[in-house]
Protein backbone atom coordinates (compact mmCIF):
# COMPACT_ATOMS: atom_id res chain seq x y z
CA UNK A 1 124.95 76.34 107.43
CA UNK A 2 125.42 76.94 103.67
CA UNK A 3 127.85 78.84 101.47
CA UNK A 4 126.67 82.42 101.02
CA UNK A 5 126.74 84.58 97.89
CA UNK A 6 128.80 87.77 98.03
CA UNK A 7 129.54 89.42 100.37
CA UNK A 8 129.52 86.07 102.18
CA UNK A 9 130.73 86.10 105.78
CA UNK A 10 133.04 89.10 105.26
CA UNK A 11 130.76 91.51 107.19
CA UNK A 12 130.98 89.14 110.16
CA UNK A 13 134.73 88.53 110.03
CA UNK A 14 135.42 92.23 109.44
CA UNK A 15 133.46 92.90 112.64
CA UNK A 16 135.65 90.44 114.55
CA UNK A 17 133.08 87.63 114.69
CA UNK A 18 134.48 84.11 114.58
CA UNK A 19 132.54 82.16 111.95
CA UNK A 20 132.18 78.37 111.83
CA UNK A 21 130.34 76.63 109.00
CA UNK A 22 130.15 73.23 107.40
CA UNK A 23 132.51 72.62 104.52
CA UNK A 24 129.96 71.39 101.98
CA UNK A 25 127.34 73.59 100.34
CA UNK A 26 124.22 71.55 101.13
CA UNK A 27 121.48 71.51 103.75
CA UNK A 28 122.88 70.48 107.11
CA UNK A 29 121.71 67.19 108.54
CA UNK A 30 119.97 67.37 111.89
CA UNK A 31 123.08 66.06 113.64
CA UNK A 32 125.31 68.59 111.87
CA UNK A 33 122.96 71.43 112.71
CA UNK A 34 122.91 70.58 116.40
CA UNK A 35 126.69 70.18 116.48
CA UNK A 36 127.34 73.47 114.68
CA UNK A 37 124.91 75.28 116.98
CA UNK A 38 126.21 73.79 120.21
CA UNK A 39 128.90 76.39 120.87
CA UNK A 40 127.41 79.30 118.95
CA UNK A 41 126.18 82.67 120.17
CA UNK A 42 124.56 83.41 116.81
CA UNK A 43 123.17 81.31 113.96
CA UNK A 44 122.67 82.31 110.34
CA UNK A 45 119.95 79.89 109.20
CA UNK A 46 117.95 78.93 106.13
CA UNK A 47 114.47 77.60 105.51
CA UNK A 48 115.79 74.05 105.43
CA UNK A 49 117.06 74.40 109.02
CA UNK A 50 114.55 73.43 111.71
CA UNK A 51 115.24 75.70 114.67
CA UNK A 52 113.29 74.36 117.63
CA UNK A 53 113.42 73.56 121.32
CA UNK A 54 115.85 70.69 120.82
CA UNK A 55 118.29 73.02 119.08
CA UNK A 56 117.97 75.69 121.78
CA UNK A 57 118.66 73.05 124.44
CA UNK A 58 121.78 72.01 122.52
CA UNK A 59 122.99 75.62 122.19
CA UNK A 60 122.97 77.18 125.69
CA UNK A 61 125.08 80.18 124.59
CA UNK A 62 122.80 81.09 121.70
CA UNK A 63 121.60 84.71 121.64
CA UNK A 64 120.31 85.29 118.12
CA UNK A 65 119.02 83.39 115.09
CA UNK A 66 119.26 85.35 111.83
CA UNK A 67 117.07 83.69 109.17
CA UNK A 68 118.02 84.32 105.53
CA UNK A 69 114.40 84.77 104.40
CA UNK A 70 111.33 86.86 105.02
CA UNK A 71 109.51 83.74 106.22
CA UNK A 72 110.41 82.09 109.49
CA UNK A 73 108.03 79.18 109.82
CA UNK A 74 111.13 76.99 110.25
CA UNK A 75 111.73 78.66 113.64
CA UNK A 76 109.79 77.82 116.81
CA UNK A 77 109.26 81.35 118.10
CA UNK A 78 107.76 80.23 121.40
CA UNK A 79 110.80 78.07 122.12
CA UNK A 80 113.09 80.94 121.14
CA UNK A 81 111.30 83.27 123.55
CA UNK A 82 111.55 80.72 126.38
CA UNK A 83 115.31 80.52 125.86
CA UNK A 84 115.75 84.27 125.48
CA UNK A 85 116.89 84.00 121.86
CA UNK A 86 116.17 86.86 119.43
CA UNK A 87 114.98 85.87 115.95
CA UNK A 88 115.46 88.11 112.90
CA UNK A 89 114.56 87.87 109.22
CA UNK A 90 115.12 89.79 105.97
CA UNK A 91 111.96 91.72 105.06
CA UNK A 92 111.82 94.46 102.48
CA UNK A 93 115.00 93.76 100.54
CA UNK A 94 113.43 91.03 98.38
CA UNK A 95 109.97 92.52 97.80
CA UNK A 96 110.43 93.86 94.28
CA UNK A 97 112.50 90.93 93.04
CA UNK A 98 109.92 88.42 94.21
CA UNK A 99 107.11 90.43 92.60
CA UNK A 100 109.09 90.33 89.34
CA UNK A 101 109.21 86.53 89.61
CA UNK A 102 105.44 86.36 90.15
CA UNK A 103 104.96 88.20 86.87
CA UNK A 104 107.50 86.01 85.10
CA UNK A 105 105.49 82.96 86.16
CA UNK A 106 102.17 84.55 85.21
CA UNK A 107 103.38 85.44 81.74
CA UNK A 108 105.30 82.21 81.27
CA UNK A 109 102.32 80.06 82.20
CA UNK A 110 99.73 82.12 80.32
CA UNK A 111 101.76 82.39 77.10
CA UNK A 112 103.20 78.85 77.25
CA UNK A 113 106.76 80.13 77.08
CA UNK A 114 108.43 76.98 78.45
CA UNK A 115 106.55 74.71 76.04
CA UNK A 116 107.57 76.96 73.17
CA UNK A 117 111.19 76.98 74.24
CA UNK A 118 111.30 73.17 74.41
CA UNK A 119 109.64 72.86 71.00
CA UNK A 120 112.11 75.18 69.30
CA UNK A 121 115.11 73.47 70.91
CA UNK A 122 113.83 70.03 69.92
CA UNK A 123 114.36 70.80 66.23
CA UNK A 124 110.80 69.64 65.50
CA UNK A 125 109.18 73.09 65.21
CA UNK A 126 107.96 73.39 61.60
CA UNK A 127 107.76 77.18 61.59
CA UNK A 128 105.00 79.62 62.39
CA UNK A 129 101.39 78.48 62.30
CA UNK A 130 98.18 80.29 63.30
CA UNK A 131 97.04 77.64 65.79
CA UNK A 132 100.32 76.88 67.54
CA UNK A 133 100.50 76.98 71.37
CA UNK A 134 97.60 79.35 71.82
CA UNK A 135 97.76 80.82 75.31
CA UNK A 136 95.77 83.23 77.44
CA UNK A 137 95.61 86.99 77.20
CA UNK A 138 97.02 88.78 80.23
CA UNK A 139 96.23 92.40 79.41
CA UNK A 140 92.84 93.59 80.65
CA UNK A 141 92.08 90.51 82.73
CA UNK A 142 91.44 90.23 86.48
CA UNK A 143 94.32 89.60 88.87
CA UNK A 144 93.58 88.17 92.30
CA UNK A 145 96.09 88.35 95.16
CA UNK A 146 95.91 86.13 98.21
CA UNK A 147 97.97 87.92 100.87
CA UNK A 148 98.23 91.70 100.47
CA UNK A 149 101.50 92.26 102.25
CA UNK A 150 104.46 94.13 100.80
CA UNK A 151 105.01 91.56 98.03
CA UNK A 152 101.30 91.37 97.23
CA UNK A 153 101.21 95.15 96.87
CA UNK A 154 104.27 95.08 94.60
CA UNK A 155 102.59 92.47 92.39
CA UNK A 156 99.43 94.60 92.31
CA UNK A 157 101.32 97.77 91.34
CA UNK A 158 102.69 96.04 88.25
CA UNK A 159 99.16 95.13 87.15
CA UNK A 160 98.41 98.75 86.20
CA UNK A 161 100.77 98.42 83.25
CA UNK A 162 98.65 95.54 81.98
CA UNK A 163 95.35 97.35 82.45
CA UNK A 164 94.12 94.72 84.91
CA UNK A 165 91.48 94.88 87.59
CA UNK A 166 92.97 93.79 90.93
CA UNK A 167 91.17 91.90 93.68
CA UNK A 168 92.67 90.72 96.94
CA UNK A 169 91.89 88.78 100.08
CA UNK A 170 93.66 89.21 103.41
CA UNK A 171 93.07 88.49 107.06
CA UNK A 172 91.95 92.11 107.19
CA UNK A 173 91.44 94.93 104.72
CA UNK A 174 94.58 96.77 103.63
CA UNK A 175 93.47 100.36 103.10
CA UNK A 176 97.03 101.52 102.39
CA UNK A 177 97.42 98.86 99.73
CA UNK A 178 94.06 99.72 98.22
CA UNK A 179 95.03 103.36 97.90
CA UNK A 180 98.38 102.53 96.34
CA UNK A 181 97.17 99.91 93.88
CA UNK A 182 93.41 100.46 93.32
CA UNK A 183 92.90 96.86 94.48
CA UNK A 184 89.49 95.85 95.77
CA UNK A 185 88.93 93.67 98.85
CA UNK A 186 86.74 90.57 98.31
CA UNK A 187 85.93 87.40 100.20
CA UNK A 188 88.10 84.34 99.59
CA UNK A 189 85.30 82.70 97.62
CA UNK A 190 84.89 85.75 95.40
CA UNK A 191 88.64 85.84 94.84
CA UNK A 192 88.61 82.26 93.60
CA UNK A 193 85.56 82.74 91.39
CA UNK A 194 86.51 86.06 89.78
CA UNK A 195 90.29 85.84 89.25
CA UNK A 196 91.69 85.09 85.81
CA UNK A 197 95.12 85.05 87.45
CA UNK A 198 95.44 84.13 91.13
CA UNK A 199 98.77 84.97 92.79
CA UNK A 200 99.61 83.58 96.23
CA UNK A 201 101.84 85.78 98.41
CA UNK A 202 100.40 84.94 101.83
CA UNK A 203 102.44 83.76 104.82
CA UNK A 204 102.24 80.14 105.90
CA UNK A 205 100.08 79.80 109.01
CA UNK A 206 97.64 77.25 110.34
CA UNK A 207 94.88 79.21 108.59
CA UNK A 208 96.60 79.44 105.19
CA UNK A 209 97.97 75.87 105.06
CA UNK A 210 96.32 74.19 102.04
CA UNK A 211 94.16 77.26 101.44
CA UNK A 212 94.18 76.13 97.81
CA UNK A 213 92.77 72.64 98.15
CA UNK A 214 90.48 70.58 95.95
CA UNK A 215 87.42 72.61 96.96
CA UNK A 216 89.18 75.93 96.25
CA UNK A 217 90.44 74.70 92.89
CA UNK A 218 86.90 73.64 91.98
CA UNK A 219 85.75 77.23 92.54
CA UNK A 220 88.33 78.69 90.17
CA UNK A 221 87.64 79.49 86.54
CA UNK A 222 88.54 76.75 84.06
CA UNK A 223 90.78 79.23 82.18
CA UNK A 224 92.45 80.55 85.36
CA UNK A 225 96.20 80.59 85.96
CA UNK A 226 97.45 79.96 89.51
CA UNK A 227 100.83 81.37 90.62
CA UNK A 228 102.58 80.69 93.93
CA UNK A 229 105.56 82.77 95.11
CA UNK A 230 104.50 82.53 98.75
CA UNK A 231 105.00 79.24 100.54
CA UNK A 232 104.61 75.80 99.02
CA UNK A 233 102.12 74.39 101.55
CA UNK A 234 99.61 77.10 100.68
CA UNK A 235 98.61 74.62 97.94
CA UNK A 236 97.53 71.01 98.31
CA UNK A 237 99.94 69.89 95.60
CA UNK A 238 98.26 66.52 94.97
CA UNK A 239 94.93 68.28 94.40
CA UNK A 240 96.63 70.74 92.05
CA UNK A 241 98.05 67.89 89.96
CA UNK A 242 94.55 66.49 89.45
CA UNK A 243 93.11 69.92 88.62
CA UNK A 244 95.82 70.63 86.03
CA UNK A 245 95.67 67.15 84.51
CA UNK A 246 91.88 67.35 84.16
CA UNK A 247 92.10 70.95 82.85
CA UNK A 248 89.86 72.19 85.66
CA UNK A 249 92.21 75.18 85.69
CA UNK A 250 94.32 76.22 82.74
CA UNK A 251 97.83 76.43 84.14
CA UNK A 252 100.05 77.05 87.15
CA UNK A 253 103.37 78.74 87.77
CA UNK A 254 105.16 77.60 90.92
CA UNK A 255 108.32 78.94 92.53
CA UNK A 256 107.76 77.08 95.82
CA UNK A 257 106.60 73.56 96.60
CA UNK A 258 104.89 71.71 99.39
CA UNK A 259 107.80 69.39 100.28
CA UNK A 260 110.86 70.97 98.66
CA UNK A 261 112.76 69.65 96.81
CA UNK A 262 110.25 66.82 96.27
CA UNK A 263 107.29 67.27 93.93
CA UNK A 264 103.87 65.68 94.14
CA UNK A 265 103.52 62.65 91.90
CA UNK A 266 102.71 63.70 88.35
CA UNK A 267 103.51 67.39 88.68
CA UNK A 268 106.78 67.29 86.74
CA UNK A 269 105.08 65.70 83.73
CA UNK A 270 102.41 68.37 83.28
CA UNK A 271 102.94 70.69 80.31
CA UNK A 272 100.60 73.29 81.83
CA UNK A 273 102.80 73.73 84.92
CA UNK A 274 105.78 76.09 84.93
CA UNK A 275 108.14 75.00 87.71
CA UNK A 276 111.16 76.97 88.91
CA UNK A 277 113.46 76.08 91.85
CA UNK A 278 112.59 78.71 94.49
CA UNK A 279 114.17 81.62 92.63
CA UNK A 280 111.97 84.46 93.88
CA UNK A 281 114.82 86.44 95.42
CA UNK A 282 117.58 84.96 93.25
CA UNK A 283 119.32 87.99 91.81
CA UNK A 284 122.88 89.00 92.65
CA UNK A 285 121.78 92.29 94.21
CA UNK A 286 118.88 90.93 96.25
CA UNK A 287 120.75 87.97 97.71
CA UNK A 288 123.67 90.24 98.58
CA UNK A 289 121.26 92.61 100.37
CA UNK A 290 119.75 89.66 102.25
CA UNK A 291 123.16 88.41 103.35
CA UNK A 292 124.22 91.87 104.54
CA UNK A 293 121.01 92.29 106.53
CA UNK A 294 121.45 88.87 108.13
CA UNK A 295 125.01 89.72 109.10
CA UNK A 296 124.05 93.18 110.39
CA UNK A 297 121.37 91.64 112.60
CA UNK A 298 123.87 89.16 114.04
CA UNK A 299 126.49 91.84 114.68
CA UNK A 300 123.98 94.15 116.36
CA UNK A 301 122.76 91.54 118.84
CA UNK A 302 126.24 90.17 119.56
CA UNK A 303 127.37 93.73 120.35
CA UNK A 304 124.43 94.29 122.68
CA UNK A 305 122.36 96.48 120.35
CA UNK A 306 118.82 96.07 119.08
CA UNK A 307 118.52 94.05 115.84
CA UNK A 308 117.51 95.84 112.66
CA UNK A 309 114.64 93.51 111.71
CA UNK A 310 113.45 91.45 114.67
CA UNK A 311 110.63 88.98 114.17
CA UNK A 312 107.42 89.65 116.07
CA UNK A 313 106.82 86.38 117.97
CA UNK A 314 103.06 87.03 117.88
CA UNK A 315 102.87 87.67 114.13
CA UNK A 316 102.35 85.38 111.12
CA UNK A 317 105.20 83.29 109.82
CA UNK A 318 105.91 85.54 106.86
CA UNK A 319 106.79 84.38 103.38
CA UNK A 320 109.94 82.48 102.73
CA UNK A 321 112.25 83.31 99.86
């Protein structure tokens, strides 16, 4: 549905798979998606592609959907199961890269890096001054993690280098994660109230949709920094705009958005928001690993073998990067 970074479709063509894709590198329209899928046995899809019952009806030969992401909330798993279609994703290969991005956003938002960059480039910076762009200390503070999956654990591991206390909230306690990171399980309310930095790495589900709403933001510390590398709709973006504008929280760093690529009114104009265009897994190595895994899943199913990373139709929707 989109042009792929290296190795591209070579793993598929080398395996003798005939590949059809749209000529332009942009999200497929609904009509284009249905047309491209109509004669396919396998689909390599993206988060912008809605894979649902209508698509399965239009693609009677379809056997496998390989989603280029860890998240798969764009796929109707119940409809896939009804039509006997296997769904796969790309877990594991982007964990560390996405955790790196979470820390980039934490540091960038806390230390006002983007504001400083703009000021220097403007030519209006008068030189060093003791009161310029004072930010927030990261070392020794408390990091809260909402969603202690593999990416949450990777974020928590990095906190030891900053001498931080780590709190987390999950659907259930993660004893393995606690042992590996010295993180401490707390209620959601405690997480909001005690975190100097709150990092969202949870999957998007009915329960986590708008978990960070106006009420949650009101419980956070006024000097807190909120970071989202999970899924955009974890945050009520309109409520976040008001909280940032009124300085009810100090800053936010966002890699994902509620209605990508659109932003909530007013978000783009806020100096205390660091906004990046869904770059969590955007390194050459990680994207190449994701593409290879997608292709390997397709080849396995088309050759009658078990996929490498099948999606559990009863599990949460994962995180999408």
